[in-house]
Amino acid sequence: MASVRFAIPKGSIEESTFRFLEQAWFSVHGKGRTYRVTIDDPEVSLKLLRPQEIPTYVQEGLYDVGITGKDWIEETNADVKVLLDLGYGGIKIVIATPKTYKVNSLSDIIREYASNGKTLRISTEYLNISANYIRQNPEYSKHFGRKEPMMITPWWRKGDNDKIQLLLSFGATEAKPPEDSDAIIDVTETGTTLEQNNLKIIETVMESTAVLVANKSSLQDAKKKEKIYDIVTLLKGVVEGRNKLHIFVNVRKENLEQLLKSLPALKRPTISQLSEEGWYSVNTIISKGEFVRIIPTLRKLAQGLVVHEPRGILPLEEVSNQEEQE
C-alpha cells in the first residue's frame, strides 16, 4: 500500500514534469490515459491535479507532497513546506497594456486613471498576487491610501476601492483588453502571445518555477518523512544532473598537476593510471557554466575528452542533513 500521496501538475508543465519524474524513477505508466499515473515505487501514489489546486490540497493533508509553481503557493497563501526548487516551468507574471496606451509602468497607469477619476480594470487569474502588488505601489498609496483594490468574481466581490478593479479571468486573459479590461496581469514565458495580441509588458510582478512542497504534518510522521526524503533525494539528483557535466580526459604525467589545479570538481577528481606508461585518466564533475571556461586548458594539457550528461547526481549527505534539521 502506498505510504505517500503525491500530487503532480496537469496542464502547461505536465509533460516537463513527466520527463523530470522519468529521469528520477526511470518510467511513468499511464500518461495521457488516466489521472492516476504510476511510477516504479509502490509506496508512492500519484494523481494529476491542476497546479492551482495543489498548494491547498497539500496544506489540507489530502496529499503529502506535490509539485506546483511558486506563483500558486503565493496566490493561495498555502501553509506548506517548500522542499526543493526543481528549476523547470519558469514563467514571469507581468503587467501588460495595449501598445497604444502611453504608459510604461504600473505607476503611470494608476496616476493617469486616478487623476482623471477613471476606473482602472485589470483582468487576471492571480487576484491575491495582483492586489498585494498593486497596494505596494507608491502611486496607489498616494491616491487610495490603505484601501483594498476591488476583486470581482462571478460569486463575490471583495475590497473597498472600486476605482481599481481586479476581474477574475478564466483563461485567454491576453484577449481581454481593450474592450473588457484596461490591463492584464498574466503569465508569460517568451512574450510572444502578448505581442500577437498587440500588448506590451510594462512591469514584472514576479518570477516562478516548479517546486516540490510537502504537508507539514506529513513531515512529522516518521514513515512518511523517510519516503518523502527519498523523493527529495531522487528529484534533487535530477536538478543537479541537469546543471552538471561528467568529463573524462587523458593526460601526460608531466601535465597532470597543472591540469588538476585548473579543474573544478564535485569533491575531488578521480585519477587512474593508464596501461601506457606516463599517462593518466582524470574524471570529474563540473558545472555546465564552467565547461567553456576550461576548454582552452584541456586543449593544451589533455587528450581524448569525453563528456557525459549525468542522469542524476544524488547529494546524499546534503539531503540527510536537511532531514535531520526538520
C-alpha atoms as a PDB file:
ATOM      1  CA  MET A   1       0.000   0.000   0.000  1.00  0.00           C
ATOM      2  CA  ALA A   2       1.281   3.467  -0.887  1.00  0.00           C
ATOM      3  CA  SER A   3       2.535   5.444   2.097  1.00  0.00           C
ATOM      4  CA  VAL A   4       2.930   8.819   0.340  1.00  0.00           C
ATOM      5  CA  ARG A   5       0.338  10.595  -1.801  1.00  0.00           C
ATOM      6  CA  PHE A   6       1.971  12.743  -4.475  1.00  0.00           C
ATOM      7  CA  ALA A   7       0.093  15.407  -6.481  1.00  0.00           C
ATOM      8  CA  ILE A   8       1.616  16.351  -9.831  1.00  0.00           C
ATOM      9  CA  PRO A   9       0.500  19.194 -12.118  1.00  0.00           C
ATOM     10  CA  LYS A  10      -1.762  18.802 -15.109  1.00  0.00           C
ATOM     11  CA  GLY A  11      -1.551  21.393 -17.865  1.00  0.00           C
ATOM     12  CA  SER A  12       1.288  23.541 -19.105  1.00  0.00           C
ATOM     13  CA  ILE A  13       4.080  21.834 -17.144  1.00  0.00           C
ATOM     14  CA  GLU A  14       2.604  18.328 -17.264  1.00  0.00           C
ATOM     15  CA  GLU A  15       4.989  16.964 -19.909  1.00  0.00           C
ATOM     16  CA  SER A  16       8.002  18.633 -18.293  1.00  0.00           C
ATOM     17  CA  THR A  17       7.009  17.011 -15.009  1.00  0.00           C
ATOM     18  CA  PHE A  18       6.705  13.578 -16.620  1.00  0.00           C
ATOM     19  CA  ARG A  19      10.191  13.964 -18.136  1.00  0.00           C
ATOM     20  CA  PHE A  20      11.541  15.008 -14.760  1.00  0.00           C
ATOM     21  CA  LEU A  21       9.970  12.025 -13.000  1.00  0.00           C
ATOM     22  CA  GLU A  22      11.203   9.632 -15.684  1.00  0.00           C
ATOM     23  CA  GLN A  23      14.721  10.914 -15.170  1.00  0.00           C
ATOM     24  CA  ALA A  24      14.362  10.197 -11.445  1.00  0.00           C
ATOM     25  CA  TRP A  25      12.335   6.944 -11.452  1.00  0.00           C
ATOM     26  CA  PHE A  26      13.016   5.671 -14.986  1.00  0.00           C
ATOM     27  CA  SER A  27       9.401   5.148 -16.032  1.00  0.00           C
ATOM     28  CA  VAL A  28       5.942   6.660 -15.608  1.00  0.00           C
ATOM     29  CA  HIS A  29       2.950   4.483 -16.536  1.00  0.00           C
ATOM     30  CA  GLY A  30      -0.463   5.645 -17.727  1.00  0.00           C
ATOM     31  CA  LYS A  31       0.485   9.014 -19.215  1.00  0.00           C
ATOM     32  CA  GLY A  32      -2.305  10.507 -21.308  1.00  0.00           C
ATOM     33  CA  ARG A  33      -4.807   7.822 -20.276  1.00  0.00           C
ATOM     34  CA  THR A  34      -5.547   8.442 -16.623  1.00  0.00           C
ATOM     35  CA  TYR A  35      -5.275  10.972 -13.819  1.00  0.00           C
ATOM     36  CA  ARG A  36      -3.671   8.267 -11.646  1.00  0.00           C
ATOM     37  CA  VAL A  37      -0.284   7.540 -13.188  1.00  0.00           C
ATOM     38  CA  THR A  38       2.218   5.226 -11.521  1.00  0.00           C
ATOM     39  CA  ILE A  39       5.979   5.109 -11.058  1.00  0.00           C
ATOM     40  CA  ASP A  40       8.350   2.294 -10.141  1.00  0.00           C
ATOM     41  CA  ASP A  41       7.755   2.690  -6.420  1.00  0.00           C
ATOM     42  CA  PRO A  42       4.712   1.005  -4.854  1.00  0.00           C
ATOM     43  CA  GLU A  43       4.982   3.250  -1.784  1.00  0.00           C
ATOM     44  CA  VAL A  44       4.178   6.390  -3.788  1.00  0.00           C
ATOM     45  CA  SER A  45       0.764   7.035  -5.377  1.00  0.00           C
ATOM     46  CA  LEU A  46       0.419   9.855  -7.892  1.00  0.00           C
ATOM     47  CA  LYS A  47      -2.514  11.861  -9.147  1.00  0.00           C
ATOM     48  CA  LEU A  48      -2.719  14.677 -11.685  1.00  0.00           C
ATOM     49  CA  LEU A  49      -4.340  17.901 -10.470  1.00  0.00           C
ATOM     50  CA  ARG A  50      -4.395  21.493 -11.641  1.00  0.00           C
ATOM     51  CA  PRO A  51      -1.334  23.300 -10.240  1.00  0.00           C
ATOM     52  CA  GLN A  52      -3.685  25.960  -8.810  1.00  0.00           C
ATOM     53  CA  GLU A  53      -5.235  23.315  -6.531  1.00  0.00           C
ATOM     54  CA  ILE A  54      -2.086  21.558  -5.351  1.00  0.00           C
ATOM     55  CA  PRO A  55      -0.843  24.001  -2.658  1.00  0.00           C
ATOM     56  CA  THR A  56      -4.194  23.973  -0.851  1.00  0.00           C
ATOM     57  CA  TYR A  57      -4.666  20.208  -1.187  1.00  0.00           C
ATOM     58  CA  VAL A  58      -1.180  19.592   0.221  1.00  0.00           C
ATOM     59  CA  GLN A  59      -1.771  22.091   3.034  1.00  0.00           C
ATOM     60  CA  GLU A  60      -5.004  20.306   3.983  1.00  0.00           C
ATOM     61  CA  GLY A  61      -3.314  16.888   4.038  1.00  0.00           C
ATOM     62  CA  LEU A  62      -5.141  15.388   1.068  1.00  0.00           C
ATOM     63  CA  TYR A  63      -1.651  14.870  -0.381  1.00  0.00           C
ATOM     64  CA  ASP A  64       1.668  14.514   1.396  1.00  0.00           C
ATOM     65  CA  VAL A  65       3.765  16.108  -1.335  1.00  0.00           C
ATOM     66  CA  GLY A  66       3.122  17.912  -4.594  1.00  0.00           C
ATOM     67  CA  ILE A  67       4.708  19.752  -7.482  1.00  0.00           C
ATOM     68  CA  THR A  68       3.323  23.198  -8.215  1.00  0.00           C
ATOM     69  CA  GLY A  69       4.519  26.682  -9.092  1.00  0.00           C
ATOM     70  CA  LYS A  70       5.837  29.264  -6.649  1.00  0.00           C
ATOM     71  CA  ASP A  71       3.187  31.554  -8.098  1.00  0.00           C
ATOM     72  CA  TRP A  72       0.320  29.353  -6.907  1.00  0.00           C
ATOM     73  CA  ILE A  73       1.814  28.995  -3.432  1.00  0.00           C
ATOM     74  CA  GLU A  74       1.861  32.774  -3.133  1.00  0.00           C
ATOM     75  CA  GLU A  75      -1.583  33.185  -4.700  1.00  0.00           C
ATOM     76  CA  THR A  76      -3.212  30.673  -2.337  1.00  0.00           C
ATOM     77  CA  ASN A  77      -1.051  31.666   0.662  1.00  0.00           C
ATOM     78  CA  ALA A  78      -0.751  27.944   1.385  1.00  0.00           C
ATOM     79  CA  ASP A  79       0.993  26.858   4.579  1.00  0.00           C
ATOM     80  CA  VAL A  80       3.270  24.197   3.056  1.00  0.00           C
ATOM     81  CA  LYS A  81       6.965  23.346   3.313  1.00  0.00           C
ATOM     82  CA  VAL A  82       8.926  24.075   0.138  1.00  0.00           C
ATOM     83  CA  LEU A  83      11.481  21.274  -0.110  1.00  0.00           C
ATOM     84  CA  LEU A  84      13.120  21.840  -3.478  1.00  0.00           C
ATOM     85  CA  ASP A  85      13.185  24.238  -6.416  1.00  0.00           C
ATOM     86  CA  LEU A  86      13.005  21.957  -9.439  1.00  0.00           C
ATOM     87  CA  GLY A  87      14.274  24.584 -11.874  1.00  0.00           C
ATOM     88  CA  TYR A  88      11.814  23.970 -14.720  1.00  0.00           C
ATOM     89  CA  GLY A  89       8.494  25.548 -15.673  1.00  0.00           C
ATOM     90  CA  GLY A  90       9.987  29.021 -15.496  1.00  0.00           C
ATOM     91  CA  ILE A  91       7.470  31.829 -16.073  1.00  0.00           C
ATOM     92  CA  LYS A  92       7.006  35.506 -15.303  1.00  0.00           C
ATOM     93  CA  ILE A  93       3.867  37.201 -14.083  1.00  0.00           C
ATOM     94  CA  VAL A  94       3.744  40.546 -15.850  1.00  0.00           C
ATOM     95  CA  ILE A  95       1.542  43.596 -16.215  1.00  0.00           C
ATOM     96  CA  ALA A  96       0.666  44.327 -19.852  1.00  0.00           C
ATOM     97  CA  THR A  97      -1.384  47.019 -21.576  1.00  0.00           C
ATOM     98  CA  PRO A  98      -2.353  47.743 -25.172  1.00  0.00           C
ATOM     99  CA  LYS A  99       0.573  49.160 -27.119  1.00  0.00           C
ATOM    100  CA  THR A 100      -1.465  52.270 -27.877  1.00  0.00           C
ATOM    101  CA  TYR A 101      -1.552  53.279 -24.192  1.00  0.00           C
ATOM    102  CA  LYS A 102       1.073  55.891 -23.380  1.00  0.00           C
ATOM    103  CA  VAL A 103       2.115  54.295 -20.104  1.00  0.00           C
ATOM    104  CA  ASN A 104       5.327  52.462 -19.243  1.00  0.00           C
ATOM    105  CA  SER A 105       4.772  51.337 -15.669  1.00  0.00           C
ATOM    106  CA  LEU A 106       2.088  50.483 -13.149  1.00  0.00           C
ATOM    107  CA  SER A 107       2.687  53.885 -11.546  1.00  0.00           C
ATOM    108  CA  ASP A 108       1.962  55.586 -14.870  1.00  0.00           C
ATOM    109  CA  ILE A 109      -1.362  53.874 -15.404  1.00  0.00           C
ATOM    110  CA  ILE A 110      -2.544  54.314 -11.787  1.00  0.00           C
ATOM    111  CA  ARG A 111      -1.589  58.002 -11.901  1.00  0.00           C
ATOM    112  CA  GLU A 112      -3.392  58.577 -15.200  1.00  0.00           C
ATOM    113  CA  TYR A 113      -6.616  56.832 -14.202  1.00  0.00           C
ATOM    114  CA  ALA A 114      -6.728  58.227 -10.672  1.00  0.00           C
ATOM    115  CA  SER A 115      -6.010  61.806 -11.809  1.00  0.00           C
ATOM    116  CA  ASN A 116      -8.866  61.626 -14.295  1.00  0.00           C
ATOM    117  CA  GLY A 117     -11.313  59.888 -11.937  1.00  0.00           C
ATOM    118  CA  LYS A 118     -11.496  56.815 -14.180  1.00  0.00           C
ATOM    119  CA  THR A 119     -11.885  53.222 -13.021  1.00  0.00           C
ATOM    120  CA  LEU A 120      -8.891  51.006 -13.838  1.00  0.00           C
ATOM    121  CA  ARG A 121      -9.953  47.452 -14.730  1.00  0.00           C
ATOM    122  CA  ILE A 122      -7.357  44.673 -14.710  1.00  0.00           C
ATOM    123  CA  SER A 123      -8.037  41.063 -15.781  1.00  0.00           C
ATOM    124  CA  THR A 124      -6.048  38.326 -14.039  1.00  0.00           C
ATOM    125  CA  GLU A 125      -6.055  34.783 -12.706  1.00  0.00           C
ATOM    126  CA  TYR A 126      -3.945  35.997  -9.782  1.00  0.00           C
ATOM    127  CA  LEU A 127      -6.287  38.088  -7.635  1.00  0.00           C
ATOM    128  CA  ASN A 128      -4.252  37.970  -4.423  1.00  0.00           C
ATOM    129  CA  ILE A 129      -0.827  38.425  -6.007  1.00  0.00           C
ATOM    130  CA  SER A 130      -2.181  41.313  -8.052  1.00  0.00           C
ATOM    131  CA  ALA A 131      -3.892  43.038  -5.121  1.00  0.00           C
ATOM    132  CA  ASN A 132      -0.800  42.750  -2.909  1.00  0.00           C
ATOM    133  CA  TYR A 133       1.494  44.028  -5.644  1.00  0.00           C
ATOM    134  CA  ILE A 134      -0.729  46.985  -6.522  1.00  0.00           C
ATOM    135  CA  ARG A 135      -1.086  48.038  -2.874  1.00  0.00           C
ATOM    136  CA  GLN A 136       2.715  48.273  -2.589  1.00  0.00           C
ATOM    137  CA  ASN A 137       2.881  50.804  -5.432  1.00  0.00           C
ATOM    138  CA  PRO A 138       3.639  54.374  -4.224  1.00  0.00           C
ATOM    139  CA  GLU A 139       1.128  55.937  -6.627  1.00  0.00           C
ATOM    140  CA  TYR A 140      -1.581  53.637  -5.330  1.00  0.00           C
ATOM    141  CA  SER A 141      -0.821  54.637  -1.729  1.00  0.00           C
ATOM    142  CA  LYS A 142      -0.789  58.305  -2.726  1.00  0.00           C
ATOM    143  CA  HIS A 143      -4.242  58.208  -4.306  1.00  0.00           C
ATOM    144  CA  PHE A 144      -6.027  55.472  -2.344  1.00  0.00           C
ATOM    145  CA  GLY A 145      -4.189  55.050   0.947  1.00  0.00           C
ATOM    146  CA  ARG A 146      -4.737  51.668   2.591  1.00  0.00           C
ATOM    147  CA  LYS A 147      -7.879  50.758   0.676  1.00  0.00           C
ATOM    148  CA  GLU A 148      -8.070  47.261  -0.825  1.00  0.00           C
ATOM    149  CA  PRO A 149      -8.445  47.002  -4.621  1.00  0.00           C
ATOM    150  CA  MET A 150     -11.834  45.579  -5.542  1.00  0.00           C
ATOM    151  CA  MET A 151     -11.671  41.872  -6.508  1.00  0.00           C
ATOM    152  CA  ILE A 152     -14.564  40.753  -8.697  1.00  0.00           C
ATOM    153  CA  THR A 153     -15.546  37.135  -9.417  1.00  0.00           C
ATOM    154  CA  PRO A 154     -18.851  35.621 -10.585  1.00  0.00           C
ATOM    155  CA  TRP A 155     -19.576  34.648  -6.954  1.00  0.00           C
ATOM    156  CA  TRP A 156     -18.351  37.508  -4.765  1.00  0.00           C
ATOM    157  CA  ARG A 157     -16.758  40.924  -4.511  1.00  0.00           C
ATOM    158  CA  LYS A 158     -14.063  41.867  -2.030  1.00  0.00           C
ATOM    159  CA  GLY A 159     -12.336  45.184  -1.319  1.00  0.00           C
ATOM    160  CA  ASP A 160     -13.354  48.785  -0.750  1.00  0.00           C
ATOM    161  CA  ASN A 161     -11.687  50.584  -3.685  1.00  0.00           C
ATOM    162  CA  ASP A 162     -13.887  50.279  -6.743  1.00  0.00           C
ATOM    163  CA  LYS A 163     -11.601  52.620  -8.699  1.00  0.00           C
ATOM    164  CA  ILE A 164      -9.101  49.746  -9.092  1.00  0.00           C
ATOM    165  CA  GLN A 165     -10.940  46.581 -10.087  1.00  0.00           C
ATOM    166  CA  LEU A 166      -9.354  43.138 -10.453  1.00  0.00           C
ATOM    167  CA  LEU A 167     -11.574  40.905 -12.584  1.00  0.00           C
ATOM    168  CA  LEU A 168     -11.047  37.158 -12.293  1.00  0.00           C
ATOM    169  CA  SER A 169     -10.075  35.695 -15.671  1.00  0.00           C
ATOM    170  CA  PHE A 170     -10.732  32.083 -16.625  1.00  0.00           C
ATOM    171  CA  GLY A 171      -8.214  31.974 -19.444  1.00  0.00           C
ATOM    172  CA  ALA A 172      -7.400  33.821 -22.651  1.00  0.00           C
ATOM    173  CA  THR A 173      -6.546  36.778 -20.438  1.00  0.00           C
ATOM    174  CA  GLU A 174      -4.468  38.339 -23.210  1.00  0.00           C
ATOM    175  CA  ALA A 175      -7.643  38.765 -25.287  1.00  0.00           C
ATOM    176  CA  LYS A 176      -9.444  40.912 -22.694  1.00  0.00           C
ATOM    177  CA  PRO A 177      -8.018  44.405 -23.484  1.00  0.00           C
ATOM    178  CA  PRO A 178      -9.110  46.891 -24.529  1.00  0.00           C
ATOM    179  CA  GLU A 179     -12.853  46.097 -24.503  1.00  0.00           C
ATOM    180  CA  ASP A 180     -13.086  44.137 -21.244  1.00  0.00           C
ATOM    181  CA  SER A 181     -10.142  45.490 -19.283  1.00  0.00           C
ATOM    182  CA  ASP A 182      -7.518  48.223 -19.441  1.00  0.00           C
ATOM    183  CA  ALA A 183      -4.617  45.978 -18.471  1.00  0.00           C
ATOM    184  CA  ILE A 184      -3.843  42.394 -17.553  1.00  0.00           C
ATOM    185  CA  ILE A 185      -1.650  40.671 -15.002  1.00  0.00           C
ATOM    186  CA  ASP A 186      -0.792  37.368 -16.589  1.00  0.00           C
ATOM    187  CA  VAL A 187       1.788  34.640 -17.112  1.00  0.00           C
ATOM    188  CA  THR A 188       4.290  34.768 -19.934  1.00  0.00           C
ATOM    189  CA  GLU A 189       7.294  32.694 -20.969  1.00  0.00           C
ATOM    190  CA  THR A 190       8.544  34.480 -24.072  1.00  0.00           C
ATOM    191  CA  GLY A 191       6.108  37.383 -24.503  1.00  0.00           C
ATOM    192  CA  THR A 192       5.087  36.119 -27.950  1.00  0.00           C
ATOM    193  CA  THR A 193       1.386  35.686 -27.128  1.00  0.00           C
ATOM    194  CA  LEU A 194       1.210  39.180 -25.666  1.00  0.00           C
ATOM    195  CA  GLU A 195       2.892  40.584 -28.765  1.00  0.00           C
ATOM    196  CA  GLN A 196       0.435  38.773 -31.015  1.00  0.00           C
ATOM    197  CA  ASN A 197      -2.434  40.403 -29.120  1.00  0.00           C
ATOM    198  CA  ASN A 198      -0.938  43.886 -29.509  1.00  0.00           C
ATOM    199  CA  LEU A 199       0.044  44.146 -25.835  1.00  0.00           C
ATOM    200  CA  LYS A 200       3.239  45.430 -24.250  1.00  0.00           C
ATOM    201  CA  ILE A 201       4.789  44.442 -20.933  1.00  0.00           C
ATOM    202  CA  ILE A 202       5.138  47.408 -18.598  1.00  0.00           C
ATOM    203  CA  GLU A 203       6.257  45.639 -15.415  1.00  0.00           C
ATOM    204  CA  THR A 204       7.243  42.234 -13.996  1.00  0.00           C
ATOM    205  CA  VAL A 205       5.386  41.236 -10.846  1.00  0.00           C
ATOM    206  CA  MET A 206       7.283  38.037 -10.022  1.00  0.00           C
ATOM    207  CA  GLU A 207       9.101  35.033 -11.476  1.00  0.00           C
ATOM    208  CA  SER A 208       8.180  31.450 -10.768  1.00  0.00           C
ATOM    209  CA  THR A 209       9.450  27.898 -11.254  1.00  0.00           C
ATOM    210  CA  ALA A 210       8.135  24.466 -10.307  1.00  0.00           C
ATOM    211  CA  VAL A 211       8.809  23.448  -6.706  1.00  0.00           C
ATOM    212  CA  LEU A 212       8.314  20.355  -4.564  1.00  0.00           C
ATOM    213  CA  VAL A 213       6.184  21.057  -1.491  1.00  0.00           C
ATOM    214  CA  ALA A 214       5.174  18.931   1.481  1.00  0.00           C
ATOM    215  CA  ASN A 215       2.429  18.851   4.073  1.00  0.00           C
ATOM    216  CA  LYS A 216       3.965  19.894   7.395  1.00  0.00           C
ATOM    217  CA  SER A 217       2.152  17.183   9.369  1.00  0.00           C
ATOM    218  CA  SER A 218       3.358  14.502   6.956  1.00  0.00           C
ATOM    219  CA  LEU A 219       6.925  15.538   7.760  1.00  0.00           C
ATOM    220  CA  GLN A 220       6.208  14.713  11.414  1.00  0.00           C
ATOM    221  CA  ASP A 221       5.221  11.140  10.527  1.00  0.00           C
ATOM    222  CA  ALA A 222       8.408   9.038  10.679  1.00  0.00           C
ATOM    223  CA  LYS A 223       7.438   6.610   7.911  1.00  0.00           C
ATOM    224  CA  LYS A 224       6.153   9.277   5.549  1.00  0.00           C
ATOM    225  CA  LYS A 225       9.098  11.544   6.260  1.00  0.00           C
ATOM    226  CA  GLU A 226      11.529   8.792   5.250  1.00  0.00           C
ATOM    227  CA  LYS A 227       9.772   8.249   1.928  1.00  0.00           C
ATOM    228  CA  ILE A 228       9.377  11.983   1.301  1.00  0.00           C
ATOM    229  CA  TYR A 229      13.119  12.442   1.651  1.00  0.00           C
ATOM    230  CA  ASP A 230      13.675   9.523  -0.731  1.00  0.00           C
ATOM    231  CA  ILE A 231      11.647  11.583  -3.216  1.00  0.00           C
ATOM    232  CA  VAL A 232      13.680  14.707  -2.419  1.00  0.00           C
ATOM    233  CA  THR A 233      16.918  12.785  -2.973  1.00  0.00           C
ATOM    234  CA  LEU A 234      15.859  11.468  -6.372  1.00  0.00           C
ATOM    235  CA  LEU A 235      14.477  14.790  -7.606  1.00  0.00           C
ATOM    236  CA  LYS A 236      17.456  16.756  -6.305  1.00  0.00           C
ATOM    237  CA  GLY A 237      19.655  14.307  -8.200  1.00  0.00           C
ATOM    238  CA  VAL A 238      17.890  15.298 -11.426  1.00  0.00           C
ATOM    239  CA  VAL A 239      18.271  19.014 -10.628  1.00  0.00           C
ATOM    240  CA  GLU A 240      21.999  18.546 -10.010  1.00  0.00           C
ATOM    241  CA  GLY A 241      22.404  16.290 -13.038  1.00  0.00           C
ATOM    242  CA  ARG A 242      20.863  18.872 -15.361  1.00  0.00           C
ATOM    243  CA  ASN A 243      23.334  21.503 -14.182  1.00  0.00           C
ATOM    244  CA  LYS A 244      26.471  19.380 -14.333  1.00  0.00           C
ATOM    245  CA  LEU A 245      28.690  17.538 -16.810  1.00  0.00           C
ATOM    246  CA  HIS A 246      30.801  14.428 -16.220  1.00  0.00           C
ATOM    247  CA  ILE A 247      34.089  14.717 -18.116  1.00  0.00           C
ATOM    248  CA  PHE A 248      36.886  12.230 -18.771  1.00  0.00           C
ATOM    249  CA  VAL A 249      40.307  13.217 -20.115  1.00  0.00           C
ATOM    250  CA  ASN A 250      43.671  11.558 -20.628  1.00  0.00           C
ATOM    251  CA  VAL A 251      46.761  13.496 -19.621  1.00  0.00           C
ATOM    252  CA  ARG A 252      50.517  13.008 -19.621  1.00  0.00           C
ATOM    253  CA  LYS A 253      52.205  12.678 -16.236  1.00  0.00           C
ATOM    254  CA  GLU A 254      54.130  15.952 -16.648  1.00  0.00           C
ATOM    255  CA  ASN A 255      50.861  17.864 -17.249  1.00  0.00           C
ATOM    256  CA  LEU A 256      48.803  16.183 -14.522  1.00  0.00           C
ATOM    257  CA  GLU A 257      49.485  18.579 -11.646  1.00  0.00           C
ATOM    258  CA  GLN A 258      48.807  21.678 -13.745  1.00  0.00           C
ATOM    259  CA  LEU A 259      45.577  20.169 -15.066  1.00  0.00           C
ATOM    260  CA  LEU A 260      44.336  19.287 -11.566  1.00  0.00           C
ATOM    261  CA  LYS A 261      44.881  22.876 -10.428  1.00  0.00           C
ATOM    262  CA  SER A 262      42.616  24.052 -13.253  1.00  0.00           C
ATOM    263  CA  LEU A 263      39.810  21.530 -12.805  1.00  0.00           C
ATOM    264  CA  PRO A 264      36.777  22.214 -10.610  1.00  0.00           C
ATOM    265  CA  ALA A 265      35.282  19.089  -9.062  1.00  0.00           C
ATOM    266  CA  LEU A 266      32.218  17.966  -7.125  1.00  0.00           C
ATOM    267  CA  LYS A 267      34.540  16.530  -4.474  1.00  0.00           C
ATOM    268  CA  ARG A 268      37.987  15.723  -5.858  1.00  0.00           C
ATOM    269  CA  PRO A 269      38.845  14.416  -9.334  1.00  0.00           C
ATOM    270  CA  THR A 270      39.323  10.672  -9.744  1.00  0.00           C
ATOM    271  CA  ILE A 271      42.767   9.804 -11.164  1.00  0.00           C
ATOM    272  CA  SER A 272      43.641   6.426 -12.696  1.00  0.00           C
ATOM    273  CA  GLN A 273      46.939   5.319 -14.224  1.00  0.00           C
ATOM    274  CA  LEU A 274      46.572   4.057 -17.800  1.00  0.00           C
ATOM    275  CA  SER A 275      48.215   0.938 -19.201  1.00  0.00           C
ATOM    276  CA  GLU A 276      50.565   3.128 -21.227  1.00  0.00           C
ATOM    277  CA  GLU A 277      53.441   4.376 -19.093  1.00  0.00           C
ATOM    278  CA  GLY A 278      53.339   8.085 -18.262  1.00  0.00           C
ATOM    279  CA  TRP A 279      49.594   8.569 -18.940  1.00  0.00           C
ATOM    280  CA  TYR A 280      46.679   9.101 -16.544  1.00  0.00           C
ATOM    281  CA  SER A 281      42.896   9.278 -16.835  1.00  0.00           C
ATOM    282  CA  VAL A 282      41.105  12.025 -14.936  1.00  0.00           C
ATOM    283  CA  ASN A 283      37.359  12.168 -14.463  1.00  0.00           C
ATOM    284  CA  THR A 284      35.371  14.778 -12.584  1.00  0.00           C
ATOM    285  CA  ILE A 285      32.024  16.546 -12.302  1.00  0.00           C
ATOM    286  CA  ILE A 286      31.833  20.214 -13.316  1.00  0.00           C
ATOM    287  CA  SER A 287      29.036  22.722 -13.788  1.00  0.00           C
ATOM    288  CA  LYS A 288      27.903  23.375 -17.358  1.00  0.00           C
ATOM    289  CA  GLY A 289      28.855  27.009 -16.941  1.00  0.00           C
ATOM    290  CA  GLU A 290      32.477  26.072 -16.211  1.00  0.00           C
ATOM    291  CA  PHE A 291      32.866  23.818 -19.230  1.00  0.00           C
ATOM    292  CA  VAL A 292      33.517  26.501 -21.846  1.00  0.00           C
ATOM    293  CA  ARG A 293      35.937  28.259 -19.499  1.00  0.00           C
ATOM    294  CA  ILE A 294      38.205  25.224 -19.112  1.00  0.00           C
ATOM    295  CA  ILE A 295      38.213  24.120 -22.781  1.00  0.00           C
ATOM    296  CA  PRO A 296      41.410  26.109 -23.608  1.00  0.00           C
ATOM    297  CA  THR A 297      43.201  24.427 -20.678  1.00  0.00           C
ATOM    298  CA  LEU A 298      42.018  20.978 -21.733  1.00  0.00           C
ATOM    299  CA  ARG A 299      43.182  21.566 -25.316  1.00  0.00           C
ATOM    300  CA  LYS A 300      46.687  22.469 -24.122  1.00  0.00           C
ATOM    301  CA  LEU A 301      47.156  19.843 -21.423  1.00  0.00           C
ATOM    302  CA  ALA A 302      44.915  16.853 -22.159  1.00  0.00           C
ATOM    303  CA  GLN A 303      43.749  14.451 -24.841  1.00  0.00           C
ATOM    304  CA  GLY A 304      40.698  12.318 -25.512  1.00  0.00           C
ATOM    305  CA  LEU A 305      37.998  14.430 -23.875  1.00  0.00           C
ATOM    306  CA  VAL A 306      34.725  12.562 -23.271  1.00  0.00           C
ATOM    307  CA  VAL A 307      31.664  14.423 -21.948  1.00  0.00           C
ATOM    308  CA  HIS A 308      28.516  12.884 -20.428  1.00  0.00           C
ATOM    309  CA  GLU A 309      25.337  14.499 -19.146  1.00  0.00           C
ATOM    310  CA  PRO A 310      24.608  12.585 -15.917  1.00  0.00           C
ATOM    311  CA  ARG A 311      21.112  11.222 -15.421  1.00  0.00           C
ATOM    312  CA  GLY A 312      21.306  12.255 -11.805  1.00  0.00           C
ATOM    313  CA  ILE A 313      23.755  13.285  -9.107  1.00  0.00           C
ATOM    314  CA  LEU A 314      22.399  12.335  -5.703  1.00  0.00           C
ATOM    315  CA  PRO A 315      23.679  14.613  -2.910  1.00  0.00           C
ATOM    316  CA  LEU A 316      23.038  12.039  -0.187  1.00  0.00           C
ATOM    317  CA  GLU A 317      24.855  13.797   2.654  1.00  0.00           C
ATOM    318  CA  GLU A 318      23.131  17.140   1.982  1.00  0.00           C
ATOM    319  CA  VAL A 319      19.643  15.605   1.926  1.00  0.00           C
ATOM    320  CA  SER A 320      20.394  13.613   5.091  1.00  0.00           C
ATOM    321  CA  ASN A 321      21.492  16.774   6.891  1.00  0.00           C
ATOM    322  CA  GLN A 322      18.358  18.580   5.727  1.00  0.00           C
ATOM    323  CA  GLU A 323      16.222  15.732   7.042  1.00  0.00           C
ATOM    324  CA  GLU A 324      17.924  15.835  10.424  1.00  0.00           C
ATOM    325  CA  GLN A 325      17.173  19.550  10.744  1.00  0.00           C
ATOM    326  CA  GLU A 326      13.419  19.085  10.251  1.00  0.00           C
END
